[in-house]
């Protein structure tokens, strides 16, 4: 599946340590001809961290895409009735967002964007980045693995010695995963070795 002209939502949630990597992947999708719509969780939109200032990530996303960042539930709600996305990527997807998606909780703009995309039978691609993926968050990942139209960017343990429950997607596989998801297939293997 080619990405030329495909309307792709690209949502960032609060795993700030991966923002630079995912911004590189967002830029790659645009270079392949995708029409990218930037979305940021309320936390990602408003939080400065040691990994960078929120305003800098907002400005970069808006510059690259030529669109204002969607950062409210009200802003994400039209994705459903207007059906303007062919796919949604959530990268990075935190454990908090995984729990919301698993529990059908729609109290954030990213959860609303996912709900709206799924409503239209379109793929939601998840690139996880969570410190409790093999702990308390494992049940949410398991729930989402079994859901229709949910696809995972292949992931691995982040640091098995110091953070044995932590999981992170290989962000360089976002492009390949979304292409496959648009064809209705999960790329394999889902779980990769470091």
N, C-alpha and C. Protein backbone atom coordinates (compact mmCIF):
# COMPACT_ATOMS: atom_id res chain seq x y z
N UNK A 1 0.85 -1.19 0.00
CA UNK A 1 0.00 0.00 0.00
C UNK A 1 0.89 1.24 0.00
N UNK A 2 0.67 2.09 -0.95
CA UNK A 2 1.38 3.36 -0.99
C UNK A 2 0.67 4.37 -0.09
N UNK A 3 1.39 5.35 0.40
CA UNK A 3 0.82 6.35 1.29
C UNK A 3 0.47 7.65 0.59
N UNK A 4 0.73 7.76 -0.69
CA UNK A 4 0.45 9.00 -1.42
C UNK A 4 -1.04 9.33 -1.31
N UNK A 5 -1.33 10.51 -0.77
CA UNK A 5 -2.70 10.97 -0.64
C UNK A 5 -3.48 10.37 0.51
N UNK A 6 -2.90 9.43 1.25
CA UNK A 6 -3.60 8.85 2.41
C UNK A 6 -3.63 9.88 3.53
N UNK A 7 -4.79 10.02 4.15
CA UNK A 7 -4.97 10.97 5.25
C UNK A 7 -4.71 10.23 6.56
N UNK A 8 -3.59 10.56 7.18
CA UNK A 8 -3.12 9.84 8.36
C UNK A 8 -3.12 10.77 9.58
N UNK A 9 -3.84 10.39 10.62
CA UNK A 9 -3.73 11.09 11.89
C UNK A 9 -2.48 10.59 12.60
N UNK A 10 -1.73 11.51 13.19
CA UNK A 10 -0.51 11.13 13.92
C UNK A 10 -0.61 11.75 15.31
N UNK A 11 -0.88 10.90 16.30
CA UNK A 11 -1.15 11.37 17.66
C UNK A 11 0.01 11.05 18.59
N UNK A 12 0.47 12.07 19.32
CA UNK A 12 1.52 11.90 20.32
C UNK A 12 0.90 11.95 21.71
N UNK A 13 1.28 10.99 22.55
CA UNK A 13 0.90 11.03 23.96
C UNK A 13 2.17 11.19 24.78
N UNK A 14 2.07 11.18 26.09
CA UNK A 14 3.11 11.68 26.96
C UNK A 14 4.38 10.90 27.20
N UNK A 15 4.79 10.00 26.37
CA UNK A 15 6.08 9.34 26.56
C UNK A 15 7.15 10.21 25.89
N UNK A 16 7.52 11.27 26.59
CA UNK A 16 8.32 12.35 26.00
C UNK A 16 9.69 11.91 25.49
N UNK A 17 10.24 10.86 26.07
CA UNK A 17 11.58 10.42 25.68
C UNK A 17 11.62 9.91 24.24
N UNK A 18 10.47 9.62 23.65
CA UNK A 18 10.45 9.12 22.27
C UNK A 18 10.03 10.19 21.25
N UNK A 19 9.74 11.40 21.69
CA UNK A 19 9.22 12.43 20.79
C UNK A 19 10.13 12.70 19.59
N UNK A 20 11.42 12.81 19.80
CA UNK A 20 12.32 13.10 18.69
C UNK A 20 12.27 11.98 17.65
N UNK A 21 12.22 10.73 18.10
CA UNK A 21 12.14 9.60 17.17
C UNK A 21 10.83 9.62 16.39
N UNK A 22 9.72 9.89 17.07
CA UNK A 22 8.43 9.84 16.35
C UNK A 22 8.27 11.03 15.41
N UNK A 23 8.86 12.16 15.75
CA UNK A 23 8.80 13.30 14.84
C UNK A 23 9.56 12.99 13.54
N UNK A 24 10.63 12.23 13.64
CA UNK A 24 11.36 11.80 12.45
C UNK A 24 10.46 10.91 11.59
N UNK A 25 9.70 10.03 12.22
CA UNK A 25 8.80 9.14 11.48
C UNK A 25 7.63 9.91 10.87
N UNK A 26 7.12 10.91 11.58
CA UNK A 26 6.07 11.77 11.03
C UNK A 26 6.57 12.43 9.75
N UNK A 27 7.78 12.95 9.82
CA UNK A 27 8.38 13.61 8.66
C UNK A 27 8.55 12.63 7.49
N UNK A 28 8.92 11.38 7.80
CA UNK A 28 9.08 10.37 6.77
C UNK A 28 7.76 10.09 6.06
N UNK A 29 6.65 10.00 6.82
CA UNK A 29 5.34 9.75 6.22
C UNK A 29 4.97 10.87 5.24
N UNK A 30 5.27 12.09 5.63
CA UNK A 30 4.98 13.24 4.75
C UNK A 30 5.82 13.14 3.48
N UNK A 31 7.08 12.75 3.61
CA UNK A 31 7.95 12.64 2.44
C UNK A 31 7.47 11.55 1.48
N UNK A 32 6.69 10.60 1.99
CA UNK A 32 6.14 9.52 1.16
C UNK A 32 4.79 9.90 0.56
N UNK A 33 4.35 11.15 0.80
CA UNK A 33 3.12 11.63 0.18
C UNK A 33 1.88 11.54 1.04
N UNK A 34 2.01 11.13 2.31
CA UNK A 34 0.85 11.08 3.19
C UNK A 34 0.41 12.50 3.57
N UNK A 35 -0.88 12.67 3.74
CA UNK A 35 -1.46 13.93 4.21
C UNK A 35 -1.68 13.75 5.71
N UNK A 36 -0.76 14.28 6.52
CA UNK A 36 -0.72 13.99 7.95
C UNK A 36 -1.43 15.07 8.76
N UNK A 37 -2.27 14.61 9.69
CA UNK A 37 -3.00 15.48 10.61
C UNK A 37 -2.40 15.30 12.00
N UNK A 38 -1.74 16.32 12.56
CA UNK A 38 -1.11 16.17 13.87
C UNK A 38 -2.12 16.27 15.01
N UNK A 39 -1.94 15.39 16.00
CA UNK A 39 -2.80 15.34 17.18
C UNK A 39 -1.87 15.19 18.38
N UNK A 40 -2.15 15.90 19.46
CA UNK A 40 -1.37 15.74 20.69
C UNK A 40 -2.32 15.62 21.87
N UNK A 41 -2.01 14.69 22.76
CA UNK A 41 -2.79 14.60 23.99
C UNK A 41 -2.66 15.93 24.74
N UNK A 42 -3.60 16.16 25.61
CA UNK A 42 -3.58 17.38 26.39
C UNK A 42 -2.27 17.51 27.17
N UNK A 43 -1.75 16.40 27.67
CA UNK A 43 -0.49 16.42 28.41
C UNK A 43 0.68 16.72 27.48
N UNK A 44 0.73 16.05 26.34
CA UNK A 44 1.82 16.31 25.38
C UNK A 44 1.79 17.75 24.90
N UNK A 45 0.60 18.30 24.71
CA UNK A 45 0.41 19.66 24.23
C UNK A 45 0.93 20.71 25.22
N UNK A 46 0.86 20.40 26.51
CA UNK A 46 1.10 21.44 27.52
C UNK A 46 2.31 21.22 28.44
N UNK A 47 3.07 20.16 28.24
CA UNK A 47 4.12 19.82 29.20
C UNK A 47 5.52 20.00 28.62
N UNK A 48 6.31 20.82 29.29
CA UNK A 48 7.73 20.95 28.98
C UNK A 48 8.49 19.92 29.80
N UNK A 49 9.47 19.24 29.19
CA UNK A 49 10.25 18.24 29.91
C UNK A 49 11.72 18.40 29.56
N UNK A 50 12.55 17.57 30.14
CA UNK A 50 13.97 17.60 29.82
C UNK A 50 14.23 17.15 28.38
N UNK A 51 13.21 16.59 27.73
CA UNK A 51 13.35 16.15 26.35
C UNK A 51 12.96 17.24 25.35
N UNK A 52 12.44 18.35 25.86
CA UNK A 52 12.09 19.45 24.97
C UNK A 52 10.88 20.23 25.44
N UNK A 53 10.70 21.39 24.85
CA UNK A 53 9.56 22.25 25.18
C UNK A 53 8.36 21.87 24.34
N UNK A 54 7.19 21.88 24.96
CA UNK A 54 5.95 21.55 24.25
C UNK A 54 5.78 22.43 23.02
N UNK A 55 6.03 23.73 23.15
CA UNK A 55 5.82 24.66 22.03
C UNK A 55 6.71 24.31 20.84
N UNK A 56 7.90 23.78 21.10
CA UNK A 56 8.80 23.41 20.01
C UNK A 56 8.27 22.21 19.23
N UNK A 57 7.72 21.22 19.95
CA UNK A 57 7.14 20.06 19.27
C UNK A 57 5.88 20.46 18.51
N UNK A 58 5.08 21.33 19.10
CA UNK A 58 3.86 21.82 18.43
C UNK A 58 4.24 22.56 17.14
N UNK A 59 5.19 23.47 17.25
CA UNK A 59 5.63 24.24 16.08
C UNK A 59 6.18 23.33 14.99
N UNK A 60 6.96 22.34 15.37
CA UNK A 60 7.53 21.43 14.37
C UNK A 60 6.43 20.62 13.68
N UNK A 61 5.49 20.08 14.46
CA UNK A 61 4.39 19.30 13.87
C UNK A 61 3.56 20.16 12.92
N UNK A 62 3.28 21.39 13.33
CA UNK A 62 2.48 22.27 12.48
C UNK A 62 3.25 22.71 11.23
N UNK A 63 4.54 22.93 11.37
CA UNK A 63 5.36 23.31 10.22
C UNK A 63 5.43 22.16 9.21
N UNK A 64 5.69 20.94 9.71
CA UNK A 64 5.84 19.79 8.81
C UNK A 64 4.54 19.45 8.09
N UNK A 65 3.42 19.52 8.82
CA UNK A 65 2.14 19.09 8.24
C UNK A 65 1.37 20.21 7.56
N UNK A 66 1.66 21.45 7.95
CA UNK A 66 0.88 22.58 7.43
C UNK A 66 -0.50 22.66 8.04
N UNK A 67 -0.69 22.00 9.19
CA UNK A 67 -1.99 21.99 9.86
C UNK A 67 -1.82 22.29 11.34
N UNK A 68 -2.83 22.87 11.94
CA UNK A 68 -2.84 23.09 13.38
C UNK A 68 -2.97 21.75 14.10
N UNK A 69 -2.30 21.63 15.23
CA UNK A 69 -2.38 20.41 16.03
C UNK A 69 -3.76 20.33 16.69
N UNK A 70 -4.38 19.17 16.55
CA UNK A 70 -5.63 18.89 17.27
C UNK A 70 -5.23 18.50 18.68
N UNK A 71 -5.79 19.19 19.68
CA UNK A 71 -5.36 18.93 21.06
C UNK A 71 -6.51 18.97 22.06
N UNK A 72 -7.75 18.91 21.57
CA UNK A 72 -8.91 18.88 22.46
C UNK A 72 -9.88 17.80 21.98
N UNK A 73 -10.73 17.36 22.87
CA UNK A 73 -11.77 16.40 22.49
C UNK A 73 -12.66 17.02 21.43
N UNK A 74 -13.03 18.27 21.61
CA UNK A 74 -13.87 18.96 20.63
C UNK A 74 -13.20 18.99 19.25
N UNK A 75 -11.91 19.19 19.22
CA UNK A 75 -11.19 19.21 17.96
C UNK A 75 -11.11 17.84 17.29
N UNK A 76 -11.05 16.77 18.08
CA UNK A 76 -10.93 15.41 17.54
C UNK A 76 -12.28 14.80 17.17
N UNK A 77 -13.36 15.29 17.76
CA UNK A 77 -14.68 14.67 17.54
C UNK A 77 -15.10 14.61 16.07
N UNK A 78 -14.84 15.63 15.24
CA UNK A 78 -15.26 15.56 13.84
C UNK A 78 -14.62 14.43 13.02
N UNK A 79 -13.55 13.84 13.52
CA UNK A 79 -12.91 12.73 12.80
C UNK A 79 -13.92 11.62 12.54
N UNK A 80 -14.85 11.41 13.46
CA UNK A 80 -15.87 10.37 13.29
C UNK A 80 -16.87 10.69 12.21
N UNK A 81 -17.71 11.71 12.41
CA UNK A 81 -18.75 11.98 11.42
C UNK A 81 -18.22 12.42 10.06
N UNK A 82 -17.08 13.09 10.03
CA UNK A 82 -16.54 13.55 8.75
C UNK A 82 -15.69 12.48 8.06
N UNK A 83 -15.30 11.45 8.81
CA UNK A 83 -14.55 10.30 8.28
C UNK A 83 -13.38 10.72 7.40
N UNK A 84 -12.60 11.70 7.88
CA UNK A 84 -11.54 12.21 7.01
C UNK A 84 -10.19 11.54 7.19
N UNK A 85 -10.06 10.61 8.13
CA UNK A 85 -8.80 9.89 8.28
C UNK A 85 -8.90 8.50 7.67
N UNK A 86 -7.85 8.11 6.94
CA UNK A 86 -7.75 6.73 6.45
C UNK A 86 -7.17 5.82 7.52
N UNK A 87 -6.39 6.39 8.43
CA UNK A 87 -5.77 5.63 9.52
C UNK A 87 -5.32 6.62 10.59
N UNK A 88 -5.17 6.10 11.80
CA UNK A 88 -4.63 6.89 12.92
C UNK A 88 -3.44 6.14 13.49
N UNK A 89 -2.35 6.87 13.70
CA UNK A 89 -1.17 6.34 14.39
C UNK A 89 -1.10 7.01 15.75
N UNK A 90 -0.91 6.22 16.79
CA UNK A 90 -0.67 6.78 18.12
C UNK A 90 0.76 6.41 18.48
N UNK A 91 1.63 7.41 18.44
CA UNK A 91 3.06 7.17 18.65
C UNK A 91 3.69 8.40 19.28
N UNK A 92 4.18 8.29 20.47
CA UNK A 92 4.15 7.12 21.33
C UNK A 92 2.77 6.95 21.99
N UNK A 93 2.45 5.71 22.31
CA UNK A 93 1.20 5.42 23.01
C UNK A 93 1.56 4.97 24.43
N UNK A 94 1.19 5.77 25.40
CA UNK A 94 1.51 5.48 26.80
C UNK A 94 0.61 4.39 27.38
N UNK A 95 1.00 3.88 28.53
CA UNK A 95 0.16 2.93 29.25
C UNK A 95 -1.18 3.52 29.61
N UNK A 96 -1.22 4.80 29.93
CA UNK A 96 -2.46 5.49 30.25
C UNK A 96 -3.42 5.46 29.06
N UNK A 97 -2.89 5.77 27.88
CA UNK A 97 -3.73 5.76 26.68
C UNK A 97 -4.15 4.34 26.32
N UNK A 98 -3.25 3.36 26.48
CA UNK A 98 -3.62 1.96 26.26
C UNK A 98 -4.80 1.57 27.13
N UNK A 99 -4.77 1.97 28.41
CA UNK A 99 -5.86 1.65 29.33
C UNK A 99 -7.16 2.28 28.88
N UNK A 100 -7.09 3.52 28.42
CA UNK A 100 -8.30 4.20 27.95
C UNK A 100 -8.87 3.49 26.73
N UNK A 101 -8.02 3.13 25.79
CA UNK A 101 -8.49 2.43 24.59
C UNK A 101 -9.08 1.07 24.95
N UNK A 102 -8.42 0.35 25.84
CA UNK A 102 -8.89 -0.96 26.26
C UNK A 102 -10.24 -0.87 26.96
N UNK A 103 -10.41 0.16 27.78
CA UNK A 103 -11.65 0.32 28.54
C UNK A 103 -12.70 1.17 27.87
N UNK A 104 -12.49 1.56 26.61
CA UNK A 104 -13.42 2.41 25.86
C UNK A 104 -13.72 3.71 26.60
N UNK A 105 -12.69 4.29 27.19
CA UNK A 105 -12.81 5.57 27.89
C UNK A 105 -12.38 6.68 26.94
N UNK A 106 -13.26 7.65 26.75
CA UNK A 106 -13.00 8.71 25.77
C UNK A 106 -12.92 10.06 26.46
N UNK A 107 -11.92 10.23 27.32
CA UNK A 107 -11.79 11.48 28.07
C UNK A 107 -10.54 12.26 27.68
N UNK A 108 -10.02 11.98 26.48
CA UNK A 108 -8.88 12.75 25.96
C UNK A 108 -9.04 12.87 24.45
N UNK A 109 -8.34 13.81 23.87
CA UNK A 109 -8.47 14.00 22.41
C UNK A 109 -7.92 12.80 21.65
N UNK A 110 -6.87 12.16 22.15
CA UNK A 110 -6.31 11.00 21.45
C UNK A 110 -7.28 9.82 21.53
N UNK A 111 -7.88 9.59 22.69
CA UNK A 111 -8.88 8.53 22.81
C UNK A 111 -10.08 8.82 21.91
N UNK A 112 -10.48 10.09 21.82
CA UNK A 112 -11.58 10.46 20.92
C UNK A 112 -11.20 10.21 19.47
N UNK A 113 -9.98 10.57 19.09
CA UNK A 113 -9.53 10.34 17.71
C UNK A 113 -9.54 8.85 17.38
N UNK A 114 -9.10 8.02 18.34
CA UNK A 114 -9.11 6.56 18.13
C UNK A 114 -10.53 6.04 18.00
N UNK A 115 -11.40 6.46 18.91
CA UNK A 115 -12.80 6.03 18.86
C UNK A 115 -13.43 6.43 17.52
N UNK A 116 -13.16 7.65 17.09
CA UNK A 116 -13.73 8.16 15.84
C UNK A 116 -13.21 7.38 14.64
N UNK A 117 -11.93 7.03 14.66
CA UNK A 117 -11.34 6.27 13.55
C UNK A 117 -11.91 4.85 13.52
N UNK A 118 -12.01 4.21 14.67
CA UNK A 118 -12.56 2.86 14.74
C UNK A 118 -14.03 2.84 14.33
N UNK A 119 -14.76 3.89 14.66
CA UNK A 119 -16.17 4.00 14.28
C UNK A 119 -16.33 3.86 12.77
N UNK A 120 -15.33 4.33 12.04
CA UNK A 120 -15.37 4.29 10.58
C UNK A 120 -14.69 3.05 9.99
N UNK A 121 -14.42 2.06 10.86
CA UNK A 121 -13.77 0.81 10.42
C UNK A 121 -12.43 1.05 9.75
N UNK A 122 -11.68 1.99 10.31
CA UNK A 122 -10.36 2.32 9.78
C UNK A 122 -9.31 1.93 10.82
N UNK A 123 -8.09 1.67 10.39
CA UNK A 123 -7.07 1.16 11.32
C UNK A 123 -6.52 2.21 12.28
N UNK A 124 -6.28 1.73 13.50
CA UNK A 124 -5.56 2.49 14.52
C UNK A 124 -4.26 1.73 14.78
N UNK A 125 -3.14 2.41 14.55
CA UNK A 125 -1.82 1.82 14.71
C UNK A 125 -1.22 2.33 16.01
N UNK A 126 -0.82 1.41 16.87
CA UNK A 126 -0.31 1.75 18.20
C UNK A 126 1.18 1.45 18.29
N UNK A 127 1.95 2.48 18.65
CA UNK A 127 3.39 2.32 18.89
C UNK A 127 3.61 2.56 20.39
N UNK A 128 3.61 1.47 21.15
CA UNK A 128 3.62 1.59 22.60
C UNK A 128 4.96 2.08 23.14
N UNK A 129 4.87 2.78 24.26
CA UNK A 129 6.03 3.20 25.03
C UNK A 129 5.54 3.35 26.46
N UNK A 130 5.74 2.30 27.24
CA UNK A 130 5.19 2.27 28.59
C UNK A 130 6.09 1.51 29.54
N UNK A 131 6.22 2.02 30.75
CA UNK A 131 7.05 1.36 31.76
C UNK A 131 6.37 0.18 32.44
N UNK A 132 5.05 -0.02 32.20
CA UNK A 132 4.38 -1.14 32.87
C UNK A 132 3.69 -2.09 31.89
N UNK A 133 4.22 -2.18 30.67
CA UNK A 133 3.63 -3.04 29.65
C UNK A 133 3.60 -4.51 30.01
N UNK A 134 4.57 -4.97 30.78
CA UNK A 134 4.59 -6.36 31.23
C UNK A 134 4.15 -6.47 32.68
N UNK A 135 3.63 -5.37 33.23
CA UNK A 135 3.10 -5.36 34.59
C UNK A 135 1.61 -5.13 34.54
N UNK A 136 1.18 -4.08 35.22
CA UNK A 136 -0.26 -3.79 35.30
C UNK A 136 -0.88 -3.49 33.94
N UNK A 137 -0.08 -3.00 32.99
CA UNK A 137 -0.61 -2.67 31.68
C UNK A 137 -0.73 -3.84 30.72
N UNK A 138 -0.23 -5.01 31.09
CA UNK A 138 -0.24 -6.16 30.18
C UNK A 138 -1.66 -6.55 29.77
N UNK A 139 -2.60 -6.47 30.69
CA UNK A 139 -3.98 -6.85 30.36
C UNK A 139 -4.57 -5.93 29.29
N UNK A 140 -4.17 -4.67 29.30
CA UNK A 140 -4.68 -3.73 28.29
C UNK A 140 -4.11 -4.04 26.91
N UNK A 141 -2.84 -4.38 26.87
CA UNK A 141 -2.23 -4.77 25.60
C UNK A 141 -2.91 -6.03 25.09
N UNK A 142 -3.11 -7.01 25.96
CA UNK A 142 -3.79 -8.25 25.57
C UNK A 142 -5.18 -8.00 25.02
N UNK A 143 -5.91 -7.11 25.66
CA UNK A 143 -7.26 -6.76 25.20
C UNK A 143 -7.22 -6.15 23.81
N UNK A 144 -6.27 -5.25 23.58
CA UNK A 144 -6.19 -4.56 22.30
C UNK A 144 -5.66 -5.45 21.18
N UNK A 145 -4.82 -6.42 21.53
CA UNK A 145 -4.32 -7.35 20.51
C UNK A 145 -5.46 -8.12 19.85
N UNK A 146 -6.54 -8.31 20.57
CA UNK A 146 -7.67 -9.09 20.06
C UNK A 146 -8.72 -8.23 19.37
N UNK A 147 -8.54 -6.93 19.32
CA UNK A 147 -9.55 -6.02 18.76
C UNK A 147 -9.41 -5.84 17.26
N UNK A 148 -10.55 -5.75 16.60
CA UNK A 148 -10.60 -5.48 15.17
C UNK A 148 -10.08 -4.06 14.90
N UNK A 149 -9.31 -3.91 13.85
CA UNK A 149 -8.79 -2.62 13.37
C UNK A 149 -7.75 -1.98 14.29
N UNK A 150 -7.20 -2.75 15.22
CA UNK A 150 -6.08 -2.28 16.05
C UNK A 150 -4.83 -3.02 15.60
N UNK A 151 -3.78 -2.28 15.31
CA UNK A 151 -2.53 -2.86 14.83
C UNK A 151 -1.39 -2.31 15.68
N UNK A 152 -0.41 -3.17 15.98
CA UNK A 152 0.72 -2.76 16.80
C UNK A 152 1.99 -2.63 15.98
N UNK A 153 2.70 -1.54 16.18
CA UNK A 153 4.06 -1.43 15.69
C UNK A 153 4.87 -2.44 16.52
N UNK A 154 5.68 -3.28 15.90
CA UNK A 154 6.44 -4.27 16.67
C UNK A 154 7.19 -3.63 17.84
N UNK A 155 7.15 -4.34 18.97
CA UNK A 155 7.72 -3.80 20.20
C UNK A 155 8.60 -4.82 20.90
N UNK A 156 9.38 -4.31 21.87
CA UNK A 156 10.31 -5.15 22.63
C UNK A 156 10.43 -4.59 24.04
N UNK A 157 11.11 -5.35 24.89
CA UNK A 157 11.44 -4.83 26.20
C UNK A 157 12.43 -3.68 26.03
N UNK A 158 12.20 -2.64 26.77
CA UNK A 158 13.03 -1.44 26.69
C UNK A 158 14.40 -1.67 27.33
N UNK A 159 14.40 -2.12 28.58
CA UNK A 159 15.62 -2.39 29.33
C UNK A 159 15.31 -3.52 30.31
N UNK A 160 15.48 -4.78 29.87
CA UNK A 160 15.06 -5.92 30.68
C UNK A 160 15.69 -5.99 32.07
N UNK A 161 16.87 -5.40 32.24
CA UNK A 161 17.55 -5.48 33.53
C UNK A 161 17.06 -4.39 34.48
N UNK A 162 17.09 -3.13 34.04
CA UNK A 162 16.72 -2.03 34.92
C UNK A 162 15.22 -1.75 34.96
N UNK A 163 14.52 -2.07 33.85
CA UNK A 163 13.07 -1.81 33.77
C UNK A 163 12.39 -3.03 33.15
N UNK A 164 12.29 -4.13 33.90
CA UNK A 164 11.82 -5.39 33.31
C UNK A 164 10.37 -5.38 32.80
N UNK A 165 9.55 -4.43 33.21
CA UNK A 165 8.16 -4.37 32.74
C UNK A 165 7.97 -3.38 31.58
N UNK A 166 9.03 -2.67 31.20
CA UNK A 166 8.94 -1.61 30.22
C UNK A 166 8.97 -2.15 28.79
N UNK A 167 8.06 -1.64 27.95
CA UNK A 167 7.99 -2.00 26.54
C UNK A 167 8.06 -0.75 25.69
N UNK A 168 8.69 -0.88 24.51
CA UNK A 168 8.77 0.24 23.57
C UNK A 168 8.72 -0.30 22.15
N UNK A 169 7.97 0.38 21.31
CA UNK A 169 7.88 0.01 19.90
C UNK A 169 9.15 0.44 19.17
N UNK A 170 9.45 -0.26 18.08
CA UNK A 170 10.52 0.16 17.19
C UNK A 170 9.91 1.22 16.27
N UNK A 171 10.11 2.48 16.59
CA UNK A 171 9.46 3.58 15.88
C UNK A 171 9.82 3.60 14.40
N UNK A 172 10.95 3.02 14.02
CA UNK A 172 11.32 3.00 12.60
C UNK A 172 10.39 2.08 11.79
N UNK A 173 9.57 1.29 12.47
CA UNK A 173 8.64 0.39 11.77
C UNK A 173 7.23 0.97 11.66
N UNK A 174 7.05 2.24 12.02
CA UNK A 174 5.73 2.87 11.91
C UNK A 174 5.25 2.85 10.46
N UNK A 175 6.10 3.27 9.54
CA UNK A 175 5.69 3.32 8.12
C UNK A 175 5.24 1.94 7.64
N UNK A 176 6.05 0.93 7.88
CA UNK A 176 5.73 -0.43 7.42
C UNK A 176 4.43 -0.92 8.07
N UNK A 177 4.24 -0.60 9.35
CA UNK A 177 3.04 -1.05 10.06
C UNK A 177 1.79 -0.39 9.51
N UNK A 178 1.83 0.91 9.27
CA UNK A 178 0.64 1.60 8.78
C UNK A 178 0.31 1.16 7.36
N UNK A 179 1.31 0.93 6.53
CA UNK A 179 1.05 0.43 5.18
C UNK A 179 0.34 -0.92 5.24
N UNK A 180 0.84 -1.79 6.09
CA UNK A 180 0.23 -3.11 6.24
C UNK A 180 -1.18 -3.01 6.83
N UNK A 181 -1.35 -2.12 7.82
CA UNK A 181 -2.67 -1.94 8.44
C UNK A 181 -3.70 -1.44 7.43
N UNK A 182 -3.28 -0.57 6.53
CA UNK A 182 -4.19 -0.09 5.50
C UNK A 182 -4.63 -1.21 4.55
N UNK A 183 -3.81 -2.27 4.48
CA UNK A 183 -4.18 -3.46 3.71
C UNK A 183 -4.90 -4.50 4.58
N UNK A 184 -5.08 -4.18 5.87
CA UNK A 184 -5.80 -5.09 6.76
C UNK A 184 -4.96 -6.18 7.39
N UNK A 185 -3.64 -5.99 7.45
CA UNK A 185 -2.76 -7.02 7.99
C UNK A 185 -1.85 -6.46 9.08
N UNK A 186 -1.62 -7.27 10.11
CA UNK A 186 -0.66 -6.96 11.16
C UNK A 186 0.71 -7.44 10.72
N UNK A 187 1.72 -6.57 10.71
CA UNK A 187 3.06 -7.05 10.36
C UNK A 187 3.57 -7.94 11.49
N UNK A 188 4.46 -8.84 11.11
CA UNK A 188 5.01 -9.81 12.04
C UNK A 188 6.53 -9.75 12.00
N UNK A 189 7.21 -10.12 13.05
CA UNK A 189 6.63 -10.45 14.35
C UNK A 189 6.21 -9.20 15.10
N UNK A 190 5.21 -9.34 15.94
CA UNK A 190 4.78 -8.20 16.76
C UNK A 190 5.75 -7.94 17.90
N UNK A 191 6.29 -9.01 18.44
CA UNK A 191 7.25 -8.89 19.54
C UNK A 191 8.64 -9.18 18.96
N UNK A 192 9.54 -8.21 19.12
CA UNK A 192 10.87 -8.34 18.52
C UNK A 192 11.93 -8.45 19.61
N UNK A 193 13.06 -8.97 19.23
CA UNK A 193 14.19 -9.12 20.15
C UNK A 193 15.11 -7.94 19.94
N UNK A 194 15.64 -7.43 21.03
CA UNK A 194 16.53 -6.26 20.98
C UNK A 194 17.76 -6.55 20.16
